[in-house]
């Protein structure tokens, strides 16, 4: 089915409205648009594995935040080293995320 979007939603991405089950995605570089309709409502039931993963993720991030807070003012040598590594990488969006995943999750010493 061919869908032609009106001008109002030509640059939109996401749900059309709060109660809508239609999602729109616009790729800005190519200008292509895709729309999909959700058949079933979202079920917010987590499996035990998902709950354990969320708990572990929260604990890692909390530990990273505590370490960053303790070592950032005044900056320690270890903090400056990690900050330099963070600035050279492109995977993680912020320093806390980098410390949590590249150090704590892998068991590397801080």
C-alpha atoms as a PDB file:
ATOM      1  CA  UNK A   1       0.000   0.000   0.000  1.00  0.00           C
ATOM      2  CA  UNK A   2       1.388   3.402  -0.990  1.00  0.00           C
ATOM      3  CA  UNK A   3       1.086   6.106   1.641  1.00  0.00           C
ATOM      4  CA  UNK A   4       1.389   9.805   0.846  1.00  0.00           C
ATOM      5  CA  UNK A   5       2.017  11.995   3.871  1.00  0.00           C
ATOM      6  CA  UNK A   6       0.546  15.444   4.240  1.00  0.00           C
ATOM      7  CA  UNK A   7       2.901  18.388   4.807  1.00  0.00           C
ATOM      8  CA  UNK A   8       2.248  18.491   8.556  1.00  0.00           C
ATOM      9  CA  UNK A   9       3.901  15.109   9.142  1.00  0.00           C
ATOM     10  CA  UNK A  10       6.499  15.132   6.366  1.00  0.00           C
ATOM     11  CA  UNK A  11       9.287  15.622   8.905  1.00  0.00           C
ATOM     12  CA  UNK A  12       7.767  13.767  11.851  1.00  0.00           C
ATOM     13  CA  UNK A  13       9.071  10.681  13.585  1.00  0.00           C
ATOM     14  CA  UNK A  14       7.270   8.766  16.313  1.00  0.00           C
ATOM     15  CA  UNK A  15       3.615   8.436  17.264  1.00  0.00           C
ATOM     16  CA  UNK A  16       1.153  10.659  15.489  1.00  0.00           C
ATOM     17  CA  UNK A  17      -0.702  11.397  18.727  1.00  0.00           C
ATOM     18  CA  UNK A  18      -0.955  10.111  22.303  1.00  0.00           C
ATOM     19  CA  UNK A  19      -3.803   7.713  21.541  1.00  0.00           C
ATOM     20  CA  UNK A  20      -2.637   6.738  18.069  1.00  0.00           C
ATOM     21  CA  UNK A  21      -1.200   3.310  17.318  1.00  0.00           C
ATOM     22  CA  UNK A  22       0.437   4.539  14.104  1.00  0.00           C
ATOM     23  CA  UNK A  23       4.163   5.239  14.143  1.00  0.00           C
ATOM     24  CA  UNK A  24       5.996   7.278  11.499  1.00  0.00           C
ATOM     25  CA  UNK A  25       9.733   7.325  10.789  1.00  0.00           C
ATOM     26  CA  UNK A  26      11.343   9.874   8.471  1.00  0.00           C
ATOM     27  CA  UNK A  27      14.913   9.431   7.307  1.00  0.00           C
ATOM     28  CA  UNK A  28      16.223  12.953   6.914  1.00  0.00           C
ATOM     29  CA  UNK A  29      19.126  12.170   4.581  1.00  0.00           C
ATOM     30  CA  UNK A  30      17.089  10.209   2.053  1.00  0.00           C
ATOM     31  CA  UNK A  31      13.670  11.749   2.724  1.00  0.00           C
ATOM     32  CA  UNK A  32      12.060   8.292   2.829  1.00  0.00           C
ATOM     33  CA  UNK A  33       9.175   7.789   5.207  1.00  0.00           C
ATOM     34  CA  UNK A  34       7.813   4.649   6.761  1.00  0.00           C
ATOM     35  CA  UNK A  35       4.665   4.096   8.762  1.00  0.00           C
ATOM     36  CA  UNK A  36       3.553   1.127  10.778  1.00  0.00           C
ATOM     37  CA  UNK A  37       0.531   0.315  12.885  1.00  0.00           C
ATOM     38  CA  UNK A  38       0.823  -1.585  16.133  1.00  0.00           C
ATOM     39  CA  UNK A  39      -1.567  -4.530  16.169  1.00  0.00           C
ATOM     40  CA  UNK A  40      -1.453  -5.293  19.890  1.00  0.00           C
ATOM     41  CA  UNK A  41      -1.038  -3.034  22.879  1.00  0.00           C
ATOM     42  CA  UNK A  42       2.250  -2.918  24.757  1.00  0.00           C
ATOM     43  CA  UNK A  43       2.506  -5.475  27.531  1.00  0.00           C
ATOM     44  CA  UNK A  44       4.691  -4.225  30.374  1.00  0.00           C
ATOM     45  CA  UNK A  45       5.614  -7.620  31.773  1.00  0.00           C
ATOM     46  CA  UNK A  46       9.291  -8.266  32.250  1.00  0.00           C
ATOM     47  CA  UNK A  47      10.808 -11.699  32.347  1.00  0.00           C
ATOM     48  CA  UNK A  48      13.019 -12.600  35.322  1.00  0.00           C
ATOM     49  CA  UNK A  49      16.055 -12.310  33.035  1.00  0.00           C
ATOM     50  CA  UNK A  50      15.072  -8.761  32.026  1.00  0.00           C
ATOM     51  CA  UNK A  51      14.497  -7.785  35.655  1.00  0.00           C
ATOM     52  CA  UNK A  52      17.928  -9.143  36.621  1.00  0.00           C
ATOM     53  CA  UNK A  53      19.569  -7.285  33.738  1.00  0.00           C
ATOM     54  CA  UNK A  54      17.912  -3.997  34.741  1.00  0.00           C
ATOM     55  CA  UNK A  55      19.023  -4.477  38.343  1.00  0.00           C
ATOM     56  CA  UNK A  56      22.622  -5.199  37.290  1.00  0.00           C
ATOM     57  CA  UNK A  57      22.615  -2.198  34.941  1.00  0.00           C
ATOM     58  CA  UNK A  58      21.372   0.077  37.726  1.00  0.00           C
ATOM     59  CA  UNK A  59      24.033  -1.195  40.138  1.00  0.00           C
ATOM     60  CA  UNK A  60      26.799  -0.644  37.540  1.00  0.00           C
ATOM     61  CA  UNK A  61      25.657   2.898  36.822  1.00  0.00           C
ATOM     62  CA  UNK A  62      25.365   3.729  40.513  1.00  0.00           C
ATOM     63  CA  UNK A  63      28.909   2.469  41.119  1.00  0.00           C
ATOM     64  CA  UNK A  64      30.197   4.473  38.126  1.00  0.00           C
ATOM     65  CA  UNK A  65      28.483   7.654  39.364  1.00  0.00           C
ATOM     66  CA  UNK A  66      29.952   7.257  42.847  1.00  0.00           C
ATOM     67  CA  UNK A  67      33.446   6.718  41.417  1.00  0.00           C
ATOM     68  CA  UNK A  68      33.152   9.736  39.102  1.00  0.00           C
ATOM     69  CA  UNK A  69      31.861  11.971  41.910  1.00  0.00           C
ATOM     70  CA  UNK A  70      34.703  10.906  44.203  1.00  0.00           C
ATOM     71  CA  UNK A  71      37.446  11.365  41.590  1.00  0.00           C
ATOM     72  CA  UNK A  72      36.339  14.371  39.558  1.00  0.00           C
ATOM     73  CA  UNK A  73      36.848  17.254  41.977  1.00  0.00           C
ATOM     74  CA  UNK A  74      39.821  17.704  42.073  1.00  0.00           C
ATOM     75  CA  UNK A  75      40.483  15.374  39.124  1.00  0.00           C
ATOM     76  CA  UNK A  76      42.709  12.449  39.990  1.00  0.00           C
ATOM     77  CA  UNK A  77      45.238  10.891  37.641  1.00  0.00           C
ATOM     78  CA  UNK A  78      42.945   7.883  37.076  1.00  0.00           C
ATOM     79  CA  UNK A  79      40.014  10.198  36.274  1.00  0.00           C
ATOM     80  CA  UNK A  80      42.058  12.148  33.717  1.00  0.00           C
ATOM     81  CA  UNK A  81      43.237   8.895  32.109  1.00  0.00           C
ATOM     82  CA  UNK A  82      39.669   7.597  31.780  1.00  0.00           C
ATOM     83  CA  UNK A  83      38.441  10.961  30.507  1.00  0.00           C
ATOM     84  CA  UNK A  84      41.153  10.929  27.822  1.00  0.00           C
ATOM     85  CA  UNK A  85      40.153   7.375  26.774  1.00  0.00           C
ATOM     86  CA  UNK A  86      36.499   8.440  26.672  1.00  0.00           C
ATOM     87  CA  UNK A  87      37.232  11.375  24.371  1.00  0.00           C
ATOM     88  CA  UNK A  88      38.991   9.064  21.876  1.00  0.00           C
ATOM     89  CA  UNK A  89      36.141   6.538  21.631  1.00  0.00           C
ATOM     90  CA  UNK A  90      32.807   6.843  19.804  1.00  0.00           C
ATOM     91  CA  UNK A  91      30.702   4.052  21.322  1.00  0.00           C
ATOM     92  CA  UNK A  92      29.454   5.573  24.578  1.00  0.00           C
ATOM     93  CA  UNK A  93      27.582   8.911  24.709  1.00  0.00           C
ATOM     94  CA  UNK A  94      28.727  10.084  28.148  1.00  0.00           C
ATOM     95  CA  UNK A  95      31.499   9.477  30.665  1.00  0.00           C
ATOM     96  CA  UNK A  96      29.320   7.697  33.227  1.00  0.00           C
ATOM     97  CA  UNK A  97      28.084   5.245  30.599  1.00  0.00           C
ATOM     98  CA  UNK A  98      31.666   4.648  29.465  1.00  0.00           C
ATOM     99  CA  UNK A  99      32.906   3.926  33.002  1.00  0.00           C
ATOM    100  CA  UNK A 100      29.945   1.651  33.758  1.00  0.00           C
ATOM    101  CA  UNK A 101      30.298  -0.447  30.612  1.00  0.00           C
ATOM    102  CA  UNK A 102      33.980  -0.316  29.652  1.00  0.00           C
ATOM    103  CA  UNK A 103      35.367  -0.703  33.154  1.00  0.00           C
ATOM    104  CA  UNK A 104      32.886  -1.975  35.744  1.00  0.00           C
ATOM    105  CA  UNK A 105      31.016  -4.437  33.497  1.00  0.00           C
ATOM    106  CA  UNK A 106      34.273  -5.893  32.157  1.00  0.00           C
ATOM    107  CA  UNK A 107      35.962  -5.998  35.563  1.00  0.00           C
ATOM    108  CA  UNK A 108      38.793  -3.649  34.553  1.00  0.00           C
ATOM    109  CA  UNK A 109      40.428  -1.828  37.488  1.00  0.00           C
ATOM    110  CA  UNK A 110      39.570   1.854  37.795  1.00  0.00           C
END
